[in-house]
Amino acid sequence: MADLTGAQWRKSTRSSSNGGACVEVADNLPGVVGVRDSKDPTGPALAFVPAAWRTFITGMPERA
């Protein structure tokens, strides 16, 4: 399990602005990118290696 202590969370640019389905990303830690639900900041978080995260976001469709 990745240690996300010290993560600096920011709202993803892919999140909606209406307060609905919001995702926060922390990419300030070496070797790991954290992802969590902004509505549950103390809940579980996902951890990706940076290459896997880049692959994931590259495959996301553009927002209209």
PDB file of N, CA and C in Angstrom:
ATOM      1  N   MET A   1       0.844  -1.176   0.000  1.00  0.00           N
ATOM      2  CA  MET A   1       0.000   0.000   0.000  1.00  0.00           C
ATOM      3  C   MET A   1       0.890   1.241   0.000  1.00  0.00           C
ATOM      4  N   ALA A   2       0.522   2.214  -0.820  1.00  0.00           N
ATOM      5  CA  ALA A   2       1.304   3.444  -0.926  1.00  0.00           C
ATOM      6  C   ALA A   2       1.045   4.348   0.273  1.00  0.00           C
ATOM      7  N   ASP A   3       2.083   5.050   0.694  1.00  0.00           N
ATOM      8  CA  ASP A   3       1.963   6.009   1.792  1.00  0.00           C
ATOM      9  C   ASP A   3       1.614   7.373   1.195  1.00  0.00           C
ATOM     10  N   LEU A   4       0.409   7.845   1.444  1.00  0.00           N
ATOM     11  CA  LEU A   4      -0.036   9.133   0.920  1.00  0.00           C
ATOM     12  C   LEU A   4       0.059  10.246   1.951  1.00  0.00           C
ATOM     13  N   THR A   5       0.811  10.005   3.040  1.00  0.00           N
ATOM     14  CA  THR A   5       1.053  11.040   4.028  1.00  0.00           C
ATOM     15  C   THR A   5       1.780  12.193   3.350  1.00  0.00           C
ATOM     16  N   GLY A   6       1.315  13.391   3.555  1.00  0.00           N
ATOM     17  CA  GLY A   6       1.936  14.562   2.944  1.00  0.00           C
ATOM     18  C   GLY A   6       1.385  14.885   1.568  1.00  0.00           C
ATOM     19  N   ALA A   7       0.385  14.131   1.122  1.00  0.00           N
ATOM     20  CA  ALA A   7      -0.218  14.403  -0.185  1.00  0.00           C
ATOM     21  C   ALA A   7      -0.874  15.776  -0.180  1.00  0.00           C
ATOM     22  N   GLN A   8      -0.675  16.514  -1.242  1.00  0.00           N
ATOM     23  CA  GLN A   8      -1.317  17.813  -1.430  1.00  0.00           C
ATOM     24  C   GLN A   8      -2.399  17.612  -2.492  1.00  0.00           C
ATOM     25  N   TRP A   9      -3.627  17.535  -2.017  1.00  0.00           N
ATOM     26  CA  TRP A   9      -4.751  17.208  -2.881  1.00  0.00           C
ATOM     27  C   TRP A   9      -5.251  18.438  -3.620  1.00  0.00           C
ATOM     28  N   ARG A  10      -5.614  18.241  -4.884  1.00  0.00           N
ATOM     29  CA  ARG A  10      -6.230  19.297  -5.690  1.00  0.00           C
ATOM     30  C   ARG A  10      -7.364  18.673  -6.491  1.00  0.00           C
ATOM     31  N   LYS A  11      -8.345  19.479  -6.787  1.00  0.00           N
ATOM     32  CA  LYS A  11      -9.487  18.995  -7.552  1.00  0.00           C
ATOM     33  C   LYS A  11      -9.064  18.777  -9.000  1.00  0.00           C
ATOM     34  N   SER A  12      -9.425  17.652  -9.534  1.00  0.00           N
ATOM     35  CA  SER A  12      -9.091  17.331 -10.912  1.00  0.00           C
ATOM     36  C   SER A  12      -9.792  18.271 -11.876  1.00  0.00           C
ATOM     37  N   THR A  13      -9.124  18.615 -12.962  1.00  0.00           N
ATOM     38  CA  THR A  13      -9.753  19.427 -13.994  1.00  0.00           C
ATOM     39  C   THR A  13     -10.861  18.656 -14.699  1.00  0.00           C
ATOM     40  N   ARG A  14     -10.907  17.350 -14.527  1.00  0.00           N
ATOM     41  CA  ARG A  14     -11.954  16.510 -15.121  1.00  0.00           C
ATOM     42  C   ARG A  14     -13.220  16.485 -14.259  1.00  0.00           C
ATOM     43  N   SER A  15     -13.166  17.047 -13.069  1.00  0.00           N
ATOM     44  CA  SER A  15     -14.331  17.045 -12.178  1.00  0.00           C
ATOM     45  C   SER A  15     -15.329  18.101 -12.605  1.00  0.00           C
ATOM     46  N   SER A  16     -16.582  17.836 -12.336  1.00  0.00           N
ATOM     47  CA  SER A  16     -17.618  18.813 -12.665  1.00  0.00           C
ATOM     48  C   SER A  16     -17.562  19.973 -11.672  1.00  0.00           C
ATOM     49  N   SER A  17     -18.073  21.114 -12.073  1.00  0.00           N
ATOM     50  CA  SER A  17     -18.044  22.291 -11.206  1.00  0.00           C
ATOM     51  C   SER A  17     -19.316  22.433 -10.377  1.00  0.00           C
ATOM     52  N   ASN A  18     -20.242  21.487 -10.489  1.00  0.00           N
ATOM     53  CA  ASN A  18     -21.513  21.606  -9.777  1.00  0.00           C
ATOM     54  C   ASN A  18     -21.517  20.913  -8.421  1.00  0.00           C
ATOM     55  N   GLY A  19     -20.359  20.498  -7.936  1.00  0.00           N
ATOM     56  CA  GLY A  19     -20.278  19.860  -6.625  1.00  0.00           C
ATOM     57  C   GLY A  19     -20.662  18.396  -6.636  1.00  0.00           C
ATOM     58  N   GLY A  20     -20.840  17.835  -7.806  1.00  0.00           N
ATOM     59  CA  GLY A  20     -21.243  16.438  -7.927  1.00  0.00           C
ATOM     60  C   GLY A  20     -20.072  15.483  -7.851  1.00  0.00           C
ATOM     61  N   ALA A  21     -19.844  14.763  -8.903  1.00  0.00           N
ATOM     62  CA  ALA A  21     -18.804  13.735  -8.955  1.00  0.00           C
ATOM     63  C   ALA A  21     -17.429  14.391  -9.052  1.00  0.00           C
ATOM     64  N   CYS A  22     -16.805  14.637  -7.916  1.00  0.00           N
ATOM     65  CA  CYS A  22     -15.513  15.314  -7.885  1.00  0.00           C
ATOM     66  C   CYS A  22     -14.399  14.353  -7.498  1.00  0.00           C
ATOM     67  N   VAL A  23     -13.305  14.497  -8.171  1.00  0.00           N
ATOM     68  CA  VAL A  23     -12.128  13.681  -7.911  1.00  0.00           C
ATOM     69  C   VAL A  23     -11.000  14.623  -7.523  1.00  0.00           C
ATOM     70  N   GLU A  24     -10.216  14.219  -6.514  1.00  0.00           N
ATOM     71  CA  GLU A  24      -9.028  14.981  -6.147  1.00  0.00           C
ATOM     72  C   GLU A  24      -7.801  14.138  -6.455  1.00  0.00           C
ATOM     73  N   VAL A  25      -6.749  14.818  -6.891  1.00  0.00           N
ATOM     74  CA  VAL A  25      -5.511  14.153  -7.285  1.00  0.00           C
ATOM     75  C   VAL A  25      -4.365  14.754  -6.483  1.00  0.00           C
ATOM     76  N   ALA A  26      -3.450  13.903  -6.057  1.00  0.00           N
ATOM     77  CA  ALA A  26      -2.216  14.356  -5.396  1.00  0.00           C
ATOM     78  C   ALA A  26      -1.051  13.792  -6.193  1.00  0.00           C
ATOM     79  N   ASP A  27      -0.286  14.682  -6.812  1.00  0.00           N
ATOM     80  CA  ASP A  27       0.854  14.228  -7.613  1.00  0.00           C
ATOM     81  C   ASP A  27       2.174  14.832  -7.135  1.00  0.00           C
ATOM     82  N   ASN A  28       2.208  15.217  -5.860  1.00  0.00           N
ATOM     83  CA  ASN A  28       3.414  15.834  -5.305  1.00  0.00           C
ATOM     84  C   ASN A  28       4.347  14.839  -4.621  1.00  0.00           C
ATOM     85  N   LEU A  29       3.958  13.582  -4.543  1.00  0.00           N
ATOM     86  CA  LEU A  29       4.785  12.578  -3.863  1.00  0.00           C
ATOM     87  C   LEU A  29       5.625  11.800  -4.870  1.00  0.00           C
ATOM     88  N   PRO A  30       6.859  11.480  -4.531  1.00  0.00           N
ATOM     89  CA  PRO A  30       7.706  10.751  -5.474  1.00  0.00           C
ATOM     90  C   PRO A  30       7.189   9.326  -5.717  1.00  0.00           C
ATOM     91  N   GLY A  31       7.027   8.985  -6.987  1.00  0.00           N
ATOM     92  CA  GLY A  31       6.702   7.609  -7.364  1.00  0.00           C
ATOM     93  C   GLY A  31       5.260   7.185  -7.187  1.00  0.00           C
ATOM     94  N   VAL A  32       4.357   8.125  -6.839  1.00  0.00           N
ATOM     95  CA  VAL A  32       2.954   7.747  -6.640  1.00  0.00           C
ATOM     96  C   VAL A  32       2.035   8.932  -6.961  1.00  0.00           C
ATOM     97  N   VAL A  33       0.881   8.616  -7.536  1.00  0.00           N
ATOM     98  CA  VAL A  33      -0.179   9.606  -7.762  1.00  0.00           C
ATOM     99  C   VAL A  33      -1.403   9.100  -7.011  1.00  0.00           C
ATOM    100  N   GLY A  34      -1.908   9.912  -6.090  1.00  0.00           N
ATOM    101  CA  GLY A  34      -3.082   9.539  -5.310  1.00  0.00           C
ATOM    102  C   GLY A  34      -4.349  10.107  -5.921  1.00  0.00           C
ATOM    103  N   VAL A  35      -5.444   9.355  -5.807  1.00  0.00           N
ATOM    104  CA  VAL A  35      -6.742   9.781  -6.322  1.00  0.00           C
ATOM    105  C   VAL A  35      -7.782   9.441  -5.258  1.00  0.00           C
ATOM    106  N   ARG A  36      -8.658  10.405  -4.954  1.00  0.00           N
ATOM    107  CA  ARG A  36      -9.700  10.153  -3.956  1.00  0.00           C
ATOM    108  C   ARG A  36     -10.972  10.917  -4.312  1.00  0.00           C
ATOM    109  N   ASP A  37     -12.048  10.546  -3.651  1.00  0.00           N
ATOM    110  CA  ASP A  37     -13.345  11.196  -3.795  1.00  0.00           C
ATOM    111  C   ASP A  37     -13.345  12.440  -2.913  1.00  0.00           C
ATOM    112  N   SER A  38     -13.605  13.596  -3.477  1.00  0.00           N
ATOM    113  CA  SER A  38     -13.564  14.836  -2.693  1.00  0.00           C
ATOM    114  C   SER A  38     -14.653  14.889  -1.628  1.00  0.00           C
ATOM    115  N   LYS A  39     -15.721  14.119  -1.811  1.00  0.00           N
ATOM    116  CA  LYS A  39     -16.793  14.107  -0.813  1.00  0.00           C
ATOM    117  C   LYS A  39     -16.448  13.235   0.386  1.00  0.00           C
ATOM    118  N   ASP A  40     -15.390  12.446   0.290  1.00  0.00           N
ATOM    119  CA  ASP A  40     -14.986  11.544   1.376  1.00  0.00           C
ATOM    120  C   ASP A  40     -13.466  11.600   1.549  1.00  0.00           C
ATOM    121  N   PRO A  41     -12.934  12.766   1.965  1.00  0.00           N
ATOM    122  CA  PRO A  41     -11.480  12.935   2.025  1.00  0.00           C
ATOM    123  C   PRO A  41     -10.768  12.028   3.016  1.00  0.00           C
ATOM    124  N   THR A  42     -11.464  11.491   3.988  1.00  0.00           N
ATOM    125  CA  THR A  42     -10.818  10.567   4.927  1.00  0.00           C
ATOM    126  C   THR A  42     -11.055   9.109   4.542  1.00  0.00           C
ATOM    127  N   GLY A  43     -11.775   8.911   3.453  1.00  0.00           N
ATOM    128  CA  GLY A  43     -12.063   7.555   2.984  1.00  0.00           C
ATOM    129  C   GLY A  43     -10.903   6.977   2.187  1.00  0.00           C
ATOM    130  N   PRO A  44     -11.152   5.889   1.505  1.00  0.00           N
ATOM    131  CA  PRO A  44     -10.091   5.227   0.749  1.00  0.00           C
ATOM    132  C   PRO A  44      -9.607   6.071  -0.429  1.00  0.00           C
ATOM    133  N   ALA A  45      -8.380   5.834  -0.815  1.00  0.00           N
ATOM    134  CA  ALA A  45      -7.788   6.506  -1.974  1.00  0.00           C
ATOM    135  C   ALA A  45      -7.101   5.458  -2.837  1.00  0.00           C
ATOM    136  N   LEU A  46      -7.032   5.743  -4.113  1.00  0.00           N
ATOM    137  CA  LEU A  46      -6.304   4.890  -5.037  1.00  0.00           C
ATOM    138  C   LEU A  46      -4.900   5.441  -5.199  1.00  0.00           C
ATOM    139  N   ALA A  47      -3.954   4.572  -5.485  1.00  0.00           N
ATOM    140  CA  ALA A  47      -2.575   4.994  -5.718  1.00  0.00           C
ATOM    141  C   ALA A  47      -2.090   4.371  -7.022  1.00  0.00           C
ATOM    142  N   PHE A  48      -1.552   5.198  -7.885  1.00  0.00           N
ATOM    143  CA  PHE A  48      -1.036   4.764  -9.177  1.00  0.00           C
ATOM    144  C   PHE A  48       0.447   5.093  -9.269  1.00  0.00           C
ATOM    145  N   VAL A  49       1.204   4.290  -9.993  1.00  0.00           N
ATOM    146  CA  VAL A  49       2.550   4.720 -10.367  1.00  0.00           C
ATOM    147  C   VAL A  49       2.350   5.771 -11.456  1.00  0.00           C
ATOM    148  N   PRO A  50       3.233   6.761 -11.554  1.00  0.00           N
ATOM    149  CA  PRO A  50       3.018   7.854 -12.505  1.00  0.00           C
ATOM    150  C   PRO A  50       2.781   7.399 -13.954  1.00  0.00           C
ATOM    151  N   ALA A  51       3.466   6.387 -14.422  1.00  0.00           N
ATOM    152  CA  ALA A  51       3.270   5.919 -15.804  1.00  0.00           C
ATOM    153  C   ALA A  51       1.853   5.390 -16.008  1.00  0.00           C
ATOM    154  N   ALA A  52       1.321   4.665 -15.036  1.00  0.00           N
ATOM    155  CA  ALA A  52      -0.044   4.144 -15.145  1.00  0.00           C
ATOM    156  C   ALA A  52      -1.049   5.292 -15.117  1.00  0.00           C
ATOM    157  N   TRP A  53      -0.806   6.302 -14.296  1.00  0.00           N
ATOM    158  CA  TRP A  53      -1.708   7.453 -14.236  1.00  0.00           C
ATOM    159  C   TRP A  53      -1.717   8.194 -15.566  1.00  0.00           C
ATOM    160  N   ARG A  54      -0.532   8.404 -16.167  1.00  0.00           N
ATOM    161  CA  ARG A  54      -0.463   9.069 -17.480  1.00  0.00           C
ATOM    162  C   ARG A  54      -1.241   8.274 -18.529  1.00  0.00           C
ATOM    163  N   THR A  55      -1.101   6.948 -18.505  1.00  0.00           N
ATOM    164  CA  THR A  55      -1.838   6.109 -19.448  1.00  0.00           C
ATOM    165  C   THR A  55      -3.339   6.270 -19.239  1.00  0.00           C
ATOM    166  N   PHE A  56      -3.767   6.296 -17.998  1.00  0.00           N
ATOM    167  CA  PHE A  56      -5.187   6.455 -17.679  1.00  0.00           C
ATOM    168  C   PHE A  56      -5.729   7.787 -18.193  1.00  0.00           C
ATOM    169  N   ILE A  57      -5.071   8.899 -17.848  1.00  0.00           N
ATOM    170  CA  ILE A  57      -5.611  10.203 -18.237  1.00  0.00           C
ATOM    171  C   ILE A  57      -5.480  10.451 -19.741  1.00  0.00           C
ATOM    172  N   THR A  58      -4.499   9.862 -20.381  1.00  0.00           N
ATOM    173  CA  THR A  58      -4.358   9.998 -21.824  1.00  0.00           C
ATOM    174  C   THR A  58      -5.528   9.332 -22.542  1.00  0.00           C
ATOM    175  N   GLY A  59      -6.057   8.270 -21.954  1.00  0.00           N
ATOM    176  CA  GLY A  59      -7.175   7.550 -22.559  1.00  0.00           C
ATOM    177  C   GLY A  59      -8.535   8.150 -22.271  1.00  0.00           C
ATOM    178  N   MET A  60      -8.596   9.191 -21.442  1.00  0.00           N
ATOM    179  CA  MET A  60      -9.877   9.803 -21.100  1.00  0.00           C
ATOM    180  C   MET A  60     -10.375  10.632 -22.280  1.00  0.00           C
ATOM    181  N   PRO A  61     -11.677  10.549 -22.571  1.00  0.00           N
ATOM    182  CA  PRO A  61     -12.211  11.394 -23.650  1.00  0.00           C
ATOM    183  C   PRO A  61     -12.224  12.857 -23.228  1.00  0.00           C
ATOM    184  N   GLU A  62     -12.112  13.738 -24.196  1.00  0.00           N
ATOM    185  CA  GLU A  62     -12.180  15.170 -23.907  1.00  0.00           C
ATOM    186  C   GLU A  62     -13.583  15.556 -23.499  1.00  0.00           C
ATOM    187  N   ARG A  63     -13.674  16.486 -22.561  1.00  0.00           N
ATOM    188  CA  ARG A  63     -14.984  17.010 -22.142  1.00  0.00           C
ATOM    189  C   ARG A  63     -15.487  17.999 -23.165  1.00  0.00           C
ATOM    190  N   ALA A  64     -16.763  17.955 -23.407  1.00  0.00           N
ATOM    191  CA  ALA A  64     -17.364  18.908 -24.354  1.00  0.00           C
ATOM    192  C   ALA A  64     -17.686  20.213 -23.674  1.00  0.00           C
TER     193      ALA A  64
END
